[in-house]
Amino acid sequence: MNISKEDARELVYGDLEGWETVESEIVDVLRWSNIYRGIFKSPEGKHYSLEWAEAATEQQDELPFEYDDPELVEVKAVPTMVIKWEPK
């Protein structure tokens, strides 16, 4: 699903009316940028994934979607089993 850069920035910052942030996490770290992935719930109740880059420090000036176009990908929750190892 296509979305404008302005609407995508509002979505990332939690300001797009009717949309809800479900989760957001850093998925990669580059020299000057952090790559994020967020899951967002639309006003219709569908869930979408969106990836974006932001400046890694206050020294850089990089807004989300400054160098790439946003794309919302419809996603669904899939239950998984996770095994965690702990000391005895």
PDB file of N, CA and C in Angstrom:
ATOM      1  N   MET A   1       0.847  -1.171   0.000  1.00  0.00           N
ATOM      2  CA  MET A   1       0.000   0.000   0.000  1.00  0.00           C
ATOM      3  C   MET A   1       0.895   1.236   0.000  1.00  0.00           C
ATOM      4  N   ASN A   2       0.660   2.136  -0.911  1.00  0.00           N
ATOM      5  CA  ASN A   2       1.444   3.359  -0.975  1.00  0.00           C
ATOM      6  C   ASN A   2       0.913   4.381   0.021  1.00  0.00           C
ATOM      7  N   ILE A   3       1.841   5.194   0.527  1.00  0.00           N
ATOM      8  CA  ILE A   3       1.513   6.260   1.467  1.00  0.00           C
ATOM      9  C   ILE A   3       2.488   7.401   1.190  1.00  0.00           C
ATOM     10  N   SER A   4       2.039   8.623   1.331  1.00  0.00           N
ATOM     11  CA  SER A   4       2.927   9.755   1.076  1.00  0.00           C
ATOM     12  C   SER A   4       3.991   9.848   2.170  1.00  0.00           C
ATOM     13  N   LYS A   5       5.105  10.502   1.849  1.00  0.00           N
ATOM     14  CA  LYS A   5       6.173  10.679   2.833  1.00  0.00           C
ATOM     15  C   LYS A   5       5.675  11.470   4.044  1.00  0.00           C
ATOM     16  N   GLU A   6       4.857  12.467   3.805  1.00  0.00           N
ATOM     17  CA  GLU A   6       4.345  13.287   4.905  1.00  0.00           C
ATOM     18  C   GLU A   6       3.446  12.465   5.832  1.00  0.00           C
ATOM     19  N   ASP A   7       2.533  11.670   5.243  1.00  0.00           N
ATOM     20  CA  ASP A   7       1.658  10.823   6.063  1.00  0.00           C
ATOM     21  C   ASP A   7       2.469   9.753   6.788  1.00  0.00           C
ATOM     22  N   ALA A   8       3.479   9.202   6.127  1.00  0.00           N
ATOM     23  CA  ALA A   8       4.312   8.175   6.756  1.00  0.00           C
ATOM     24  C   ALA A   8       5.065   8.751   7.950  1.00  0.00           C
ATOM     25  N   ARG A   9       5.573   9.976   7.816  1.00  0.00           N
ATOM     26  CA  ARG A   9       6.251  10.608   8.955  1.00  0.00           C
ATOM     27  C   ARG A   9       5.283  10.828  10.110  1.00  0.00           C
ATOM     28  N   GLU A  10       4.068  11.273   9.798  1.00  0.00           N
ATOM     29  CA  GLU A  10       3.058  11.452  10.847  1.00  0.00           C
ATOM     30  C   GLU A  10       2.742  10.117  11.511  1.00  0.00           C
ATOM     31  N   LEU A  11       2.682   9.046  10.723  1.00  0.00           N
ATOM     32  CA  LEU A  11       2.425   7.711  11.261  1.00  0.00           C
ATOM     33  C   LEU A  11       3.535   7.299  12.220  1.00  0.00           C
ATOM     34  N   VAL A  12       4.779   7.484  11.809  1.00  0.00           N
ATOM     35  CA  VAL A  12       5.935   7.125  12.641  1.00  0.00           C
ATOM     36  C   VAL A  12       5.933   7.912  13.946  1.00  0.00           C
ATOM     37  N   TYR A  13       5.570   9.187  13.885  1.00  0.00           N
ATOM     38  CA  TYR A  13       5.577  10.038  15.077  1.00  0.00           C
ATOM     39  C   TYR A  13       4.286   9.939  15.885  1.00  0.00           C
ATOM     40  N   GLY A  14       3.338   9.092  15.449  1.00  0.00           N
ATOM     41  CA  GLY A  14       2.105   8.880  16.200  1.00  0.00           C
ATOM     42  C   GLY A  14       1.066   9.964  16.012  1.00  0.00           C
ATOM     43  N   ASP A  15       1.170  10.726  14.913  1.00  0.00           N
ATOM     44  CA  ASP A  15       0.266  11.851  14.701  1.00  0.00           C
ATOM     45  C   ASP A  15      -0.730  11.649  13.571  1.00  0.00           C
ATOM     46  N   LEU A  16      -0.751  10.483  12.936  1.00  0.00           N
ATOM     47  CA  LEU A  16      -1.680  10.255  11.829  1.00  0.00           C
ATOM     48  C   LEU A  16      -3.028   9.830  12.409  1.00  0.00           C
ATOM     49  N   GLU A  17      -4.028  10.634  12.187  1.00  0.00           N
ATOM     50  CA  GLU A  17      -5.340  10.436  12.805  1.00  0.00           C
ATOM     51  C   GLU A  17      -5.938   9.070  12.484  1.00  0.00           C
ATOM     52  N   GLY A  18      -6.381   8.387  13.526  1.00  0.00           N
ATOM     53  CA  GLY A  18      -7.044   7.102  13.380  1.00  0.00           C
ATOM     54  C   GLY A  18      -6.113   5.908  13.407  1.00  0.00           C
ATOM     55  N   TRP A  19      -4.820   6.125  13.268  1.00  0.00           N
ATOM     56  CA  TRP A  19      -3.850   5.030  13.269  1.00  0.00           C
ATOM     57  C   TRP A  19      -3.267   4.850  14.663  1.00  0.00           C
ATOM     58  N   GLU A  20      -2.900   3.608  14.975  1.00  0.00           N
ATOM     59  CA  GLU A  20      -2.352   3.270  16.294  1.00  0.00           C
ATOM     60  C   GLU A  20      -1.034   2.526  16.117  1.00  0.00           C
ATOM     61  N   THR A  21      -0.018   2.910  16.883  1.00  0.00           N
ATOM     62  CA  THR A  21       1.256   2.191  16.868  1.00  0.00           C
ATOM     63  C   THR A  21       1.125   0.959  17.750  1.00  0.00           C
ATOM     64  N   VAL A  22       1.381  -0.216  17.186  1.00  0.00           N
ATOM     65  CA  VAL A  22       1.318  -1.467  17.936  1.00  0.00           C
ATOM     66  C   VAL A  22       2.682  -1.770  18.545  1.00  0.00           C
ATOM     67  N   GLU A  23       3.732  -1.659  17.739  1.00  0.00           N
ATOM     68  CA  GLU A  23       5.092  -1.843  18.232  1.00  0.00           C
ATOM     69  C   GLU A  23       6.069  -1.192  17.271  1.00  0.00           C
ATOM     70  N   SER A  24       7.263  -0.907  17.788  1.00  0.00           N
ATOM     71  CA  SER A  24       8.317  -0.311  16.994  1.00  0.00           C
ATOM     72  C   SER A  24       9.648  -0.771  17.567  1.00  0.00           C
ATOM     73  N   GLU A  25      10.594  -1.150  16.689  1.00  0.00           N
ATOM     74  CA  GLU A  25      11.883  -1.619  17.174  1.00  0.00           C
ATOM     75  C   GLU A  25      12.985  -1.306  16.165  1.00  0.00           C
ATOM     76  N   ILE A  26      14.214  -1.203  16.661  1.00  0.00           N
ATOM     77  CA  ILE A  26      15.370  -1.058  15.788  1.00  0.00           C
ATOM     78  C   ILE A  26      15.715  -2.438  15.254  1.00  0.00           C
ATOM     79  N   VAL A  27      15.831  -2.548  13.918  1.00  0.00           N
ATOM     80  CA  VAL A  27      16.131  -3.844  13.305  1.00  0.00           C
ATOM     81  C   VAL A  27      17.519  -3.883  12.690  1.00  0.00           C
ATOM     82  N   ASP A  28      18.179  -2.727  12.542  1.00  0.00           N
ATOM     83  CA  ASP A  28      19.536  -2.682  12.008  1.00  0.00           C
ATOM     84  C   ASP A  28      20.170  -1.361  12.410  1.00  0.00           C
ATOM     85  N   VAL A  29      21.477  -1.378  12.541  1.00  0.00           N
ATOM     86  CA  VAL A  29      22.223  -0.172  12.895  1.00  0.00           C
ATOM     87  C   VAL A  29      23.316   0.006  11.857  1.00  0.00           C
ATOM     88  N   LEU A  30      23.295   1.136  11.184  1.00  0.00           N
ATOM     89  CA  LEU A  30      24.324   1.479  10.211  1.00  0.00           C
ATOM     90  C   LEU A  30      25.237   2.535  10.826  1.00  0.00           C
ATOM     91  N   ARG A  31      26.228   2.948  10.092  1.00  0.00           N
ATOM     92  CA  ARG A  31      27.169   3.915  10.650  1.00  0.00           C
ATOM     93  C   ARG A  31      26.484   5.207  11.061  1.00  0.00           C
ATOM     94  N   TRP A  32      25.610   5.731  10.217  1.00  0.00           N
ATOM     95  CA  TRP A  32      24.992   7.027  10.496  1.00  0.00           C
ATOM     96  C   TRP A  32      23.489   6.953  10.719  1.00  0.00           C
ATOM     97  N   SER A  33      22.900   5.778  10.557  1.00  0.00           N
ATOM     98  CA  SER A  33      21.439   5.653  10.652  1.00  0.00           C
ATOM     99  C   SER A  33      21.028   4.425  11.452  1.00  0.00           C
ATOM    100  N   ASN A  34      19.882   4.529  12.095  1.00  0.00           N
ATOM    101  CA  ASN A  34      19.217   3.379  12.704  1.00  0.00           C
ATOM    102  C   ASN A  34      18.027   3.024  11.819  1.00  0.00           C
ATOM    103  N   ILE A  35      17.840   1.724  11.579  1.00  0.00           N
ATOM    104  CA  ILE A  35      16.726   1.252  10.772  1.00  0.00           C
ATOM    105  C   ILE A  35      15.669   0.705  11.722  1.00  0.00           C
ATOM    106  N   TYR A  36      14.445   1.193  11.572  1.00  0.00           N
ATOM    107  CA  TYR A  36      13.332   0.810  12.430  1.00  0.00           C
ATOM    108  C   TYR A  36      12.284   0.046  11.633  1.00  0.00           C
ATOM    109  N   ARG A  37      11.547  -0.807  12.334  1.00  0.00           N
ATOM    110  CA  ARG A  37      10.352  -1.448  11.781  1.00  0.00           C
ATOM    111  C   ARG A  37       9.236  -1.238  12.785  1.00  0.00           C
ATOM    112  N   GLY A  38       8.110  -0.780  12.284  1.00  0.00           N
ATOM    113  CA  GLY A  38       6.956  -0.569  13.142  1.00  0.00           C
ATOM    114  C   GLY A  38       5.752  -1.320  12.618  1.00  0.00           C
ATOM    115  N   ILE A  39       4.884  -1.702  13.532  1.00  0.00           N
ATOM    116  CA  ILE A  39       3.600  -2.308  13.185  1.00  0.00           C
ATOM    117  C   ILE A  39       2.529  -1.313  13.603  1.00  0.00           C
ATOM    118  N   PHE A  40       1.624  -1.022  12.670  1.00  0.00           N
ATOM    119  CA  PHE A  40       0.605  -0.005  12.890  1.00  0.00           C
ATOM    120  C   PHE A  40      -0.770  -0.561  12.562  1.00  0.00           C
ATOM    121  N   LYS A  41      -1.756  -0.161  13.354  1.00  0.00           N
ATOM    122  CA  LYS A  41      -3.143  -0.584  13.136  1.00  0.00           C
ATOM    123  C   LYS A  41      -3.901   0.560  12.472  1.00  0.00           C
ATOM    124  N   SER A  42      -4.519   0.252  11.331  1.00  0.00           N
ATOM    125  CA  SER A  42      -5.254   1.265  10.570  1.00  0.00           C
ATOM    126  C   SER A  42      -6.627   1.512  11.199  1.00  0.00           C
ATOM    127  N   PRO A  43      -7.297   2.579  10.797  1.00  0.00           N
ATOM    128  CA  PRO A  43      -8.650   2.841  11.311  1.00  0.00           C
ATOM    129  C   PRO A  43      -9.631   1.714  10.975  1.00  0.00           C
ATOM    130  N   GLU A  44      -9.347   0.955   9.901  1.00  0.00           N
ATOM    131  CA  GLU A  44     -10.219  -0.165   9.513  1.00  0.00           C
ATOM    132  C   GLU A  44      -9.904  -1.442  10.285  1.00  0.00           C
ATOM    133  N   GLY A  45      -8.849  -1.418  11.128  1.00  0.00           N
ATOM    134  CA  GLY A  45      -8.501  -2.586  11.931  1.00  0.00           C
ATOM    135  C   GLY A  45      -7.450  -3.492  11.303  1.00  0.00           C
ATOM    136  N   LYS A  46      -6.931  -3.145  10.126  1.00  0.00           N
ATOM    137  CA  LYS A  46      -5.870  -3.935   9.501  1.00  0.00           C
ATOM    138  C   LYS A  46      -4.525  -3.514  10.081  1.00  0.00           C
ATOM    139  N   HIS A  47      -3.561  -4.438  10.043  1.00  0.00           N
ATOM    140  CA  HIS A  47      -2.221  -4.160  10.557  1.00  0.00           C
ATOM    141  C   HIS A  47      -1.231  -4.078   9.398  1.00  0.00           C
ATOM    142  N   TYR A  48      -0.311  -3.112   9.506  1.00  0.00           N
ATOM    143  CA  TYR A  48       0.680  -2.879   8.469  1.00  0.00           C
ATOM    144  C   TYR A  48       2.064  -2.734   9.090  1.00  0.00           C
ATOM    145  N   SER A  49       3.068  -3.199   8.342  1.00  0.00           N
ATOM    146  CA  SER A  49       4.463  -3.033   8.716  1.00  0.00           C
ATOM    147  C   SER A  49       5.050  -1.896   7.882  1.00  0.00           C
ATOM    148  N   LEU A  50       5.958  -1.140   8.484  1.00  0.00           N
ATOM    149  CA  LEU A  50       6.604  -0.024   7.801  1.00  0.00           C
ATOM    150  C   LEU A  50       8.035   0.063   8.311  1.00  0.00           C
ATOM    151  N   GLU A  51       9.008   0.195   7.397  1.00  0.00           N
ATOM    152  CA  GLU A  51      10.416   0.354   7.781  1.00  0.00           C
ATOM    153  C   GLU A  51      10.894   1.733   7.393  1.00  0.00           C
ATOM    154  N   TRP A  52      11.774   2.310   8.246  1.00  0.00           N
ATOM    155  CA  TRP A  52      12.321   3.633   7.968  1.00  0.00           C
ATOM    156  C   TRP A  52      13.674   3.789   8.643  1.00  0.00           C
ATOM    157  N   ALA A  53      14.423   4.779   8.169  1.00  0.00           N
ATOM    158  CA  ALA A  53      15.730   5.098   8.734  1.00  0.00           C
ATOM    159  C   ALA A  53      15.665   6.474   9.383  1.00  0.00           C
ATOM    160  N   GLU A  54      16.398   6.609  10.485  1.00  0.00           N
ATOM    161  CA  GLU A  54      16.538   7.907  11.148  1.00  0.00           C
ATOM    162  C   GLU A  54      17.996   8.079  11.532  1.00  0.00           C
ATOM    163  N   ALA A  55      18.407   9.330  11.706  1.00  0.00           N
ATOM    164  CA  ALA A  55      19.778   9.630  12.097  1.00  0.00           C
ATOM    165  C   ALA A  55      20.125   8.915  13.399  1.00  0.00           C
ATOM    166  N   ALA A  56      21.346   8.384  13.463  1.00  0.00           N
ATOM    167  CA  ALA A  56      21.780   7.637  14.643  1.00  0.00           C
ATOM    168  C   ALA A  56      22.189   8.556  15.795  1.00  0.00           C
ATOM    169  N   THR A  57      22.586   9.784  15.482  1.00  0.00           N
ATOM    170  CA  THR A  57      22.980  10.735  16.531  1.00  0.00           C
ATOM    171  C   THR A  57      22.376  12.097  16.233  1.00  0.00           C
ATOM    172  N   GLU A  58      22.477  12.980  17.201  1.00  0.00           N
ATOM    173  CA  GLU A  58      21.968  14.333  16.999  1.00  0.00           C
ATOM    174  C   GLU A  58      22.843  15.134  16.033  1.00  0.00           C
ATOM    175  N   GLN A  59      24.012  14.593  15.686  1.00  0.00           N
ATOM    176  CA  GLN A  59      24.907  15.265  14.738  1.00  0.00           C
ATOM    177  C   GLN A  59      24.419  15.129  13.289  1.00  0.00           C
ATOM    178  N   GLN A  60      23.656  14.071  12.999  1.00  0.00           N
ATOM    179  CA  GLN A  60      23.131  13.865  11.655  1.00  0.00           C
ATOM    180  C   GLN A  60      21.756  14.517  11.530  1.00  0.00           C
ATOM    181  N   ASP A  61      21.394  14.799  10.295  1.00  0.00           N
ATOM    182  CA  ASP A  61      20.092  15.403  10.025  1.00  0.00           C
ATOM    183  C   ASP A  61      19.389  14.530   8.993  1.00  0.00           C
ATOM    184  N   GLU A  62      18.699  13.499   9.462  1.00  0.00           N
ATOM    185  CA  GLU A  62      17.998  12.566   8.559  1.00  0.00           C
ATOM    186  C   GLU A  62      16.608  12.293   9.107  1.00  0.00           C
ATOM    187  N   LEU A  63      15.608  12.715   8.355  1.00  0.00           N
ATOM    188  CA  LEU A  63      14.227  12.436   8.712  1.00  0.00           C
ATOM    189  C   LEU A  63      13.808  11.095   8.134  1.00  0.00           C
ATOM    190  N   PRO A  64      12.800  10.450   8.721  1.00  0.00           N
ATOM    191  CA  PRO A  64      12.285   9.224   8.112  1.00  0.00           C
ATOM    192  C   PRO A  64      11.848   9.493   6.668  1.00  0.00           C
ATOM    193  N   PHE A  65      12.193   8.575   5.776  1.00  0.00           N
ATOM    194  CA  PHE A  65      11.807   8.608   4.356  1.00  0.00           C
ATOM    195  C   PHE A  65      12.436   9.766   3.589  1.00  0.00           C
ATOM    196  N   GLU A  66      13.545  10.275   4.100  1.00  0.00           N
ATOM    197  CA  GLU A  66      14.239  11.344   3.385  1.00  0.00           C
ATOM    198  C   GLU A  66      14.875  10.816   2.097  1.00  0.00           C
ATOM    199  N   TYR A  67      15.363   9.579   2.140  1.00  0.00           N
ATOM    200  CA  TYR A  67      16.079   9.020   0.992  1.00  0.00           C
ATOM    201  C   TYR A  67      15.362   7.851   0.335  1.00  0.00           C
ATOM    202  N   ASP A  68      14.212   7.444   0.845  1.00  0.00           N
ATOM    203  CA  ASP A  68      13.479   6.329   0.254  1.00  0.00           C
ATOM    204  C   ASP A  68      11.982   6.578   0.364  1.00  0.00           C
ATOM    205  N   ASP A  69      11.228   5.818  -0.395  1.00  0.00           N
ATOM    206  CA  ASP A  69       9.773   5.961  -0.386  1.00  0.00           C
ATOM    207  C   ASP A  69       9.152   4.966   0.583  1.00  0.00           C
ATOM    208  N   PRO A  70       8.166   5.403   1.354  1.00  0.00           N
ATOM    209  CA  PRO A  70       7.517   4.496   2.310  1.00  0.00           C
ATOM    210  C   PRO A  70       6.591   3.512   1.607  1.00  0.00           C
ATOM    211  N   GLU A  71       6.506   2.304   2.176  1.00  0.00           N
ATOM    212  CA  GLU A  71       5.566   1.311   1.673  1.00  0.00           C
ATOM    213  C   GLU A  71       4.991   0.543   2.856  1.00  0.00           C
ATOM    214  N   LEU A  72       3.690   0.600   2.988  1.00  0.00           N
ATOM    215  CA  LEU A  72       2.998  -0.168   4.025  1.00  0.00           C
ATOM    216  C   LEU A  72       2.741  -1.575   3.497  1.00  0.00           C
ATOM    217  N   VAL A  73       3.106  -2.570   4.281  1.00  0.00           N
ATOM    218  CA  VAL A  73       2.899  -3.973   3.912  1.00  0.00           C
ATOM    219  C   VAL A  73       1.922  -4.568   4.916  1.00  0.00           C
ATOM    220  N   GLU A  74       0.794  -5.088   4.431  1.00  0.00           N
ATOM    221  CA  GLU A  74      -0.180  -5.685   5.337  1.00  0.00           C
ATOM    222  C   GLU A  74       0.409  -6.934   5.975  1.00  0.00           C
ATOM    223  N   VAL A  75       0.231  -7.064   7.283  1.00  0.00           N
ATOM    224  CA  VAL A  75       0.775  -8.189   8.042  1.00  0.00           C
ATOM    225  C   VAL A  75      -0.300  -8.775   8.937  1.00  0.00           C
ATOM    226  N   LYS A  76      -0.031  -9.969   9.459  1.00  0.00           N
ATOM    227  CA  LYS A  76      -0.920 -10.601  10.429  1.00  0.00           C
ATOM    228  C   LYS A  76      -0.072 -11.190  11.544  1.00  0.00           C
ATOM    229  N   ALA A  77      -0.638 -11.307  12.714  1.00  0.00           N
ATOM    230  CA  ALA A  77       0.058 -11.899  13.850  1.00  0.00           C
ATOM    231  C   ALA A  77       0.071 -13.413  13.689  1.00  0.00           C
ATOM    232  N   VAL A  78       1.236 -14.002  13.941  1.00  0.00           N
ATOM    233  CA  VAL A  78       1.390 -15.450  13.852  1.00  0.00           C
ATOM    234  C   VAL A  78       1.981 -15.935  15.178  1.00  0.00           C
ATOM    235  N   PRO A  79       1.251 -16.765  15.926  1.00  0.00           N
ATOM    236  CA  PRO A  79       1.786 -17.278  17.192  1.00  0.00           C
ATOM    237  C   PRO A  79       3.022 -18.147  16.942  1.00  0.00           C
ATOM    238  N   THR A  80       4.035 -17.978  17.782  1.00  0.00           N
ATOM    239  CA  THR A  80       5.243 -18.787  17.689  1.00  0.00           C
ATOM    240  C   THR A  80       5.665 -19.218  19.084  1.00  0.00           C
ATOM    241  N   MET A  81       6.439 -20.290  19.135  1.00  0.00           N
ATOM    242  CA  MET A  81       6.968 -20.744  20.410  1.00  0.00           C
ATOM    243  C   MET A  81       8.436 -20.342  20.478  1.00  0.00           C
ATOM    244  N   VAL A  82       8.822 -19.735  21.580  1.00  0.00           N
ATOM    245  CA  VAL A  82      10.201 -19.297  21.761  1.00  0.00           C
ATOM    246  C   VAL A  82      10.809 -20.091  22.908  1.00  0.00           C
ATOM    247  N   ILE A  83      12.000 -20.637  22.687  1.00  0.00           N
ATOM    248  CA  ILE A  83      12.730 -21.340  23.741  1.00  0.00           C
ATOM    249  C   ILE A  83      13.829 -20.411  24.224  1.00  0.00           C
ATOM    250  N   LYS A  84      13.874 -20.202  25.525  1.00  0.00           N
ATOM    251  CA  LYS A  84      14.867 -19.328  26.121  1.00  0.00           C
ATOM    252  C   LYS A  84      15.730 -20.150  27.060  1.00  0.00           C
ATOM    253  N   TRP A  85      17.035 -19.998  26.949  1.00  0.00           N
ATOM    254  CA  TRP A  85      17.974 -20.742  27.794  1.00  0.00           C
ATOM    255  C   TRP A  85      18.426 -19.844  28.946  1.00  0.00           C
ATOM    256  N   GLU A  86      18.351 -20.401  30.155  1.00  0.00           N
ATOM    257  CA  GLU A  86      18.743 -19.670  31.349  1.00  0.00           C
ATOM    258  C   GLU A  86      19.699 -20.515  32.175  1.00  0.00           C
ATOM    259  N   PRO A  87      20.552 -19.892  32.976  1.00  0.00           N
ATOM    260  CA  PRO A  87      21.429 -20.663  33.864  1.00  0.00           C
ATOM    261  C   PRO A  87      20.631 -21.469  34.879  1.00  0.00           C
ATOM    262  N   LYS A  88      21.150 -22.630  35.275  1.00  0.00           N
ATOM    263  CA  LYS A  88      20.469 -23.461  36.272  1.00  0.00           C
ATOM    264  C   LYS A  88      20.588 -22.861  37.642  1.00  0.00           C
TER     265      LYS A  88
END
